[in-house]
Amino acid sequence: MKLHGPWSSEEIQRFLKETTIPVQIAVNDTNTNPLLISLWFISDGLSLWCATQNSAKILRHLQSHPVCGFQISPETMPYRGVRGQAKVTLSDDDGPRILETLVDKYIAEQESDFSRWLLARKDTEIAIKLEPLKITSWDYSTRMKKIVGDDI
């Protein structure tokens, strides 16, 4: 795997572990038109895991062409994040486990109606594993701090 940008592998892994925004995944649809989807993710080293329902259109595109582009970056200052390309593996068996872990990460109130609704559908979840081929990081914190000050 190729790493580009200011962050080391360890810094990227820390960012992925601490970040609670969705990953944006880019694929081509059947007509080779770009398609962008946001999914919750967890990290396993530099690999990312997501889950979606087995009826999701993105799965058909990933089955026929198991590569994607991805990006994780907050929309607030300081602008920083990671993007890259990844090989994709789909797993029926890992879907329920990944969904449970995603709910733990993204939903503060575990006993909410939303959590129960998501988990009630876990048997039809498909896990999506993104194994990066290339990762580029960027971090404008220092540059922005000089301009905006400590407000970031």
C-alpha atoms as a PDB file:
ATOM      1  CA  MET A   1       0.000   0.000   0.000  1.00  0.00           C
ATOM      2  CA  LYS A   2       1.172   3.500  -0.788  1.00  0.00           C
ATOM      3  CA  LEU A   3       0.918   6.310   1.775  1.00  0.00           C
ATOM      4  CA  HIS A   4       1.091   9.959   0.737  1.00  0.00           C
ATOM      5  CA  GLY A   5       0.745  13.130   2.758  1.00  0.00           C
ATOM      6  CA  PRO A   6       1.896  14.372   6.135  1.00  0.00           C
ATOM      7  CA  TRP A   7       0.539  11.581   8.372  1.00  0.00           C
ATOM      8  CA  SER A   8       2.297   8.349   9.233  1.00  0.00           C
ATOM      9  CA  SER A   9       0.455   5.042   9.227  1.00  0.00           C
ATOM     10  CA  GLU A  10      -0.003   5.357  13.001  1.00  0.00           C
ATOM     11  CA  GLU A  11      -1.448   8.887  12.684  1.00  0.00           C
ATOM     12  CA  ILE A  12      -3.882   7.715  10.011  1.00  0.00           C
ATOM     13  CA  GLN A  13      -4.950   4.790  12.191  1.00  0.00           C
ATOM     14  CA  ARG A  14      -5.538   7.132  15.151  1.00  0.00           C
ATOM     15  CA  PHE A  15      -7.621   9.481  12.956  1.00  0.00           C
ATOM     16  CA  LEU A  16      -9.717   6.550  11.696  1.00  0.00           C
ATOM     17  CA  LYS A  17     -10.251   5.220  15.222  1.00  0.00           C
ATOM     18  CA  GLU A  18     -11.299   8.614  16.646  1.00  0.00           C
ATOM     19  CA  THR A  19     -13.436   9.859  13.744  1.00  0.00           C
ATOM     20  CA  THR A  20     -17.207   9.476  14.010  1.00  0.00           C
ATOM     21  CA  ILE A  21     -18.292  10.801  10.633  1.00  0.00           C
ATOM     22  CA  PRO A  22     -19.214   8.519   7.731  1.00  0.00           C
ATOM     23  CA  VAL A  23     -16.832   7.432   5.015  1.00  0.00           C
ATOM     24  CA  GLN A  24     -17.772   8.532   1.511  1.00  0.00           C
ATOM     25  CA  ILE A  25     -17.409   5.699  -0.989  1.00  0.00           C
ATOM     26  CA  ALA A  26     -17.252   6.353  -4.731  1.00  0.00           C
ATOM     27  CA  VAL A  27     -17.990   3.669  -7.318  1.00  0.00           C
ATOM     28  CA  ASN A  28     -19.118   3.531 -10.918  1.00  0.00           C
ATOM     29  CA  ASP A  29     -22.678   2.428 -11.592  1.00  0.00           C
ATOM     30  CA  THR A  30     -23.544   0.015 -14.398  1.00  0.00           C
ATOM     31  CA  ASN A  31     -23.324   2.858 -16.932  1.00  0.00           C
ATOM     32  CA  THR A  32     -19.924   3.931 -15.524  1.00  0.00           C
ATOM     33  CA  ASN A  33     -21.485   7.042 -14.039  1.00  0.00           C
ATOM     34  CA  PRO A  34     -20.033   8.115 -10.686  1.00  0.00           C
ATOM     35  CA  LEU A  35     -22.005   7.128  -7.610  1.00  0.00           C
ATOM     36  CA  LEU A  36     -21.196   8.422  -4.123  1.00  0.00           C
ATOM     37  CA  ILE A  37     -22.555   6.940  -0.893  1.00  0.00           C
ATOM     38  CA  SER A  38     -21.847   7.666   2.757  1.00  0.00           C
ATOM     39  CA  LEU A  39     -21.676   4.805   5.254  1.00  0.00           C
ATOM     40  CA  TRP A  40     -20.693   4.453   8.873  1.00  0.00           C
ATOM     41  CA  PHE A  41     -17.333   2.748   9.305  1.00  0.00           C
ATOM     42  CA  ILE A  42     -15.039   1.160  11.838  1.00  0.00           C
ATOM     43  CA  SER A  43     -11.343   0.715  11.304  1.00  0.00           C
ATOM     44  CA  ASP A  44      -9.140  -2.315  11.649  1.00  0.00           C
ATOM     45  CA  GLY A  45      -5.656  -0.898  11.266  1.00  0.00           C
ATOM     46  CA  LEU A  46      -5.850   0.902   7.928  1.00  0.00           C
ATOM     47  CA  SER A  47      -8.757  -1.218   6.655  1.00  0.00           C
ATOM     48  CA  LEU A  48     -12.312   0.052   6.934  1.00  0.00           C
ATOM     49  CA  TRP A  49     -15.466  -1.960   7.590  1.00  0.00           C
ATOM     50  CA  CYS A  50     -18.996  -0.809   6.744  1.00  0.00           C
ATOM     51  CA  ALA A  51     -22.351  -2.574   6.588  1.00  0.00           C
ATOM     52  CA  THR A  52     -25.454  -2.117   4.519  1.00  0.00           C
ATOM     53  CA  GLN A  53     -28.650  -3.998   3.752  1.00  0.00           C
ATOM     54  CA  ASN A  54     -28.367  -6.811   1.223  1.00  0.00           C
ATOM     55  CA  SER A  55     -30.795  -4.925  -1.047  1.00  0.00           C
ATOM     56  CA  ALA A  56     -28.581  -1.815  -1.314  1.00  0.00           C
ATOM     57  CA  LYS A  57     -27.707  -0.854  -4.889  1.00  0.00           C
ATOM     58  CA  ILE A  58     -24.075  -0.195  -3.993  1.00  0.00           C
ATOM     59  CA  LEU A  59     -23.562  -3.910  -3.384  1.00  0.00           C
ATOM     60  CA  ARG A  60     -24.370  -4.785  -7.004  1.00  0.00           C
ATOM     61  CA  HIS A  61     -21.806  -2.263  -8.213  1.00  0.00           C
ATOM     62  CA  LEU A  62     -19.161  -3.506  -5.773  1.00  0.00           C
ATOM     63  CA  GLN A  63     -19.828  -7.138  -6.723  1.00  0.00           C
ATOM     64  CA  SER A  64     -19.230  -6.424 -10.395  1.00  0.00           C
ATOM     65  CA  HIS A  65     -16.268  -4.093  -9.802  1.00  0.00           C
ATOM     66  CA  PRO A  66     -14.749  -4.621  -6.330  1.00  0.00           C
ATOM     67  CA  VAL A  67     -12.737  -1.404  -6.062  1.00  0.00           C
ATOM     68  CA  CYS A  68     -13.712   2.049  -4.860  1.00  0.00           C
ATOM     69  CA  GLY A  69     -12.526   5.495  -3.971  1.00  0.00           C
ATOM     70  CA  PHE A  70     -13.073   6.708  -0.416  1.00  0.00           C
ATOM     71  CA  GLN A  71     -12.746   9.844   1.673  1.00  0.00           C
ATOM     72  CA  ILE A  72     -13.131  10.655   5.349  1.00  0.00           C
ATOM     73  CA  SER A  73     -12.909  14.329   6.220  1.00  0.00           C
ATOM     74  CA  PRO A  74     -14.891  16.601   8.517  1.00  0.00           C
ATOM     75  CA  GLU A  75     -16.566  19.606   6.915  1.00  0.00           C
ATOM     76  CA  THR A  76     -15.406  21.847   9.750  1.00  0.00           C
ATOM     77  CA  MET A  77     -12.055  23.515  10.356  1.00  0.00           C
ATOM     78  CA  PRO A  78      -9.303  22.543  10.554  1.00  0.00           C
ATOM     79  CA  TYR A  79      -9.592  20.746   7.254  1.00  0.00           C
ATOM     80  CA  ARG A  80      -7.911  17.371   7.430  1.00  0.00           C
ATOM     81  CA  GLY A  81      -8.586  13.794   6.509  1.00  0.00           C
ATOM     82  CA  VAL A  82      -7.751  10.827   4.331  1.00  0.00           C
ATOM     83  CA  ARG A  83      -8.753   9.663   0.878  1.00  0.00           C
ATOM     84  CA  GLY A  84      -7.692   6.838  -1.356  1.00  0.00           C
ATOM     85  CA  GLN A  85      -8.543   3.796  -3.406  1.00  0.00           C
ATOM     86  CA  ALA A  86      -9.378   0.392  -1.966  1.00  0.00           C
ATOM     87  CA  LYS A  87      -9.994  -3.209  -2.877  1.00  0.00           C
ATOM     88  CA  VAL A  88     -13.429  -4.285  -1.660  1.00  0.00           C
ATOM     89  CA  THR A  89     -14.527  -7.577  -0.116  1.00  0.00           C
ATOM     90  CA  LEU A  90     -18.165  -8.329   0.727  1.00  0.00           C
ATOM     91  CA  SER A  91     -19.163 -10.697   3.532  1.00  0.00           C
ATOM     92  CA  ASP A  92     -22.601 -12.016   4.495  1.00  0.00           C
ATOM     93  CA  ASP A  93     -21.183 -13.695   7.599  1.00  0.00           C
ATOM     94  CA  ASP A  94     -19.599 -10.537   9.040  1.00  0.00           C
ATOM     95  CA  GLY A  95     -22.603  -8.268   8.401  1.00  0.00           C
ATOM     96  CA  PRO A  96     -24.405  -8.693  11.763  1.00  0.00           C
ATOM     97  CA  ARG A  97     -21.208  -8.319  13.812  1.00  0.00           C
ATOM     98  CA  ILE A  98     -20.068  -5.227  11.907  1.00  0.00           C
ATOM     99  CA  LEU A  99     -23.511  -3.625  12.250  1.00  0.00           C
ATOM    100  CA  GLU A 100     -23.450  -4.153  16.027  1.00  0.00           C
ATOM    101  CA  THR A 101     -20.023  -2.531  16.246  1.00  0.00           C
ATOM    102  CA  LEU A 102     -21.162   0.394  14.072  1.00  0.00           C
ATOM    103  CA  VAL A 103     -24.199   0.964  16.299  1.00  0.00           C
ATOM    104  CA  ASP A 104     -21.892   0.983  19.333  1.00  0.00           C
ATOM    105  CA  LYS A 105     -19.662   3.587  17.688  1.00  0.00           C
ATOM    106  CA  TYR A 106     -22.232   5.941  16.165  1.00  0.00           C
ATOM    107  CA  ILE A 107     -25.277   5.831  18.451  1.00  0.00           C
ATOM    108  CA  ALA A 108     -24.807   7.168  21.966  1.00  0.00           C
ATOM    109  CA  GLU A 109     -28.082   5.790  23.325  1.00  0.00           C
ATOM    110  CA  GLN A 110     -27.849   2.035  22.748  1.00  0.00           C
ATOM    111  CA  GLU A 111     -31.444   1.383  23.782  1.00  0.00           C
ATOM    112  CA  SER A 112     -32.994   3.914  21.396  1.00  0.00           C
ATOM    113  CA  ASP A 113     -35.762   3.053  18.954  1.00  0.00           C
ATOM    114  CA  PHE A 114     -33.318   3.699  16.110  1.00  0.00           C
ATOM    115  CA  SER A 115     -30.748   1.246  17.535  1.00  0.00           C
ATOM    116  CA  ARG A 116     -33.391  -1.421  18.009  1.00  0.00           C
ATOM    117  CA  TRP A 117     -34.695  -0.877  14.459  1.00  0.00           C
ATOM    118  CA  LEU A 118     -31.211  -1.186  12.949  1.00  0.00           C
ATOM    119  CA  LEU A 119     -30.305  -4.256  14.991  1.00  0.00           C
ATOM    120  CA  ALA A 120     -33.622  -5.964  14.188  1.00  0.00           C
ATOM    121  CA  ARG A 121     -32.437  -6.043  10.551  1.00  0.00           C
ATOM    122  CA  LYS A 122     -28.906  -7.282  11.261  1.00  0.00           C
ATOM    123  CA  ASP A 123     -29.427 -10.710   9.693  1.00  0.00           C
ATOM    124  CA  THR A 124     -29.751  -9.078   6.269  1.00  0.00           C
ATOM    125  CA  GLU A 125     -26.694  -6.839   6.633  1.00  0.00           C
ATOM    126  CA  ILE A 126     -23.687  -7.317   4.372  1.00  0.00           C
ATOM    127  CA  ALA A 127     -20.241  -6.261   5.584  1.00  0.00           C
ATOM    128  CA  ILE A 128     -18.075  -4.237   3.224  1.00  0.00           C
ATOM    129  CA  LYS A 129     -14.339  -4.333   3.832  1.00  0.00           C
ATOM    130  CA  LEU A 130     -12.176  -1.665   2.211  1.00  0.00           C
ATOM    131  CA  GLU A 131      -8.519  -2.646   2.037  1.00  0.00           C
ATOM    132  CA  PRO A 132      -6.660   0.487   0.932  1.00  0.00           C
ATOM    133  CA  LEU A 133      -4.331   0.300  -2.043  1.00  0.00           C
ATOM    134  CA  LYS A 134      -3.385   3.965  -1.653  1.00  0.00           C
ATOM    135  CA  ILE A 135      -4.061   6.499   1.116  1.00  0.00           C
ATOM    136  CA  THR A 136      -3.425  10.219   0.938  1.00  0.00           C
ATOM    137  CA  SER A 137      -3.692  12.291   4.107  1.00  0.00           C
ATOM    138  CA  TRP A 138      -3.909  16.058   4.472  1.00  0.00           C
ATOM    139  CA  ASP A 139      -3.929  18.349   7.483  1.00  0.00           C
ATOM    140  CA  TYR A 140      -4.269  22.122   7.242  1.00  0.00           C
ATOM    141  CA  SER A 141      -4.396  22.644  11.027  1.00  0.00           C
ATOM    142  CA  THR A 142      -1.115  24.551  11.270  1.00  0.00           C
ATOM    143  CA  ARG A 143      -1.782  26.705   8.225  1.00  0.00           C
ATOM    144  CA  MET A 144      -5.324  27.511   9.327  1.00  0.00           C
ATOM    145  CA  LYS A 145      -4.299  28.272  12.896  1.00  0.00           C
ATOM    146  CA  LYS A 146      -2.008  31.011  11.566  1.00  0.00           C
ATOM    147  CA  ILE A 147      -4.980  32.577   9.743  1.00  0.00           C
ATOM    148  CA  VAL A 148      -7.908  31.934  12.082  1.00  0.00           C
ATOM    149  CA  GLY A 149      -6.141  31.631  15.428  1.00  0.00           C
ATOM    150  CA  ASP A 150      -7.268  29.342  18.216  1.00  0.00           C
ATOM    151  CA  ASP A 151     -10.899  29.352  17.047  1.00  0.00           C
ATOM    152  CA  ILE A 152     -10.399  26.113  15.146  1.00  0.00           C
END
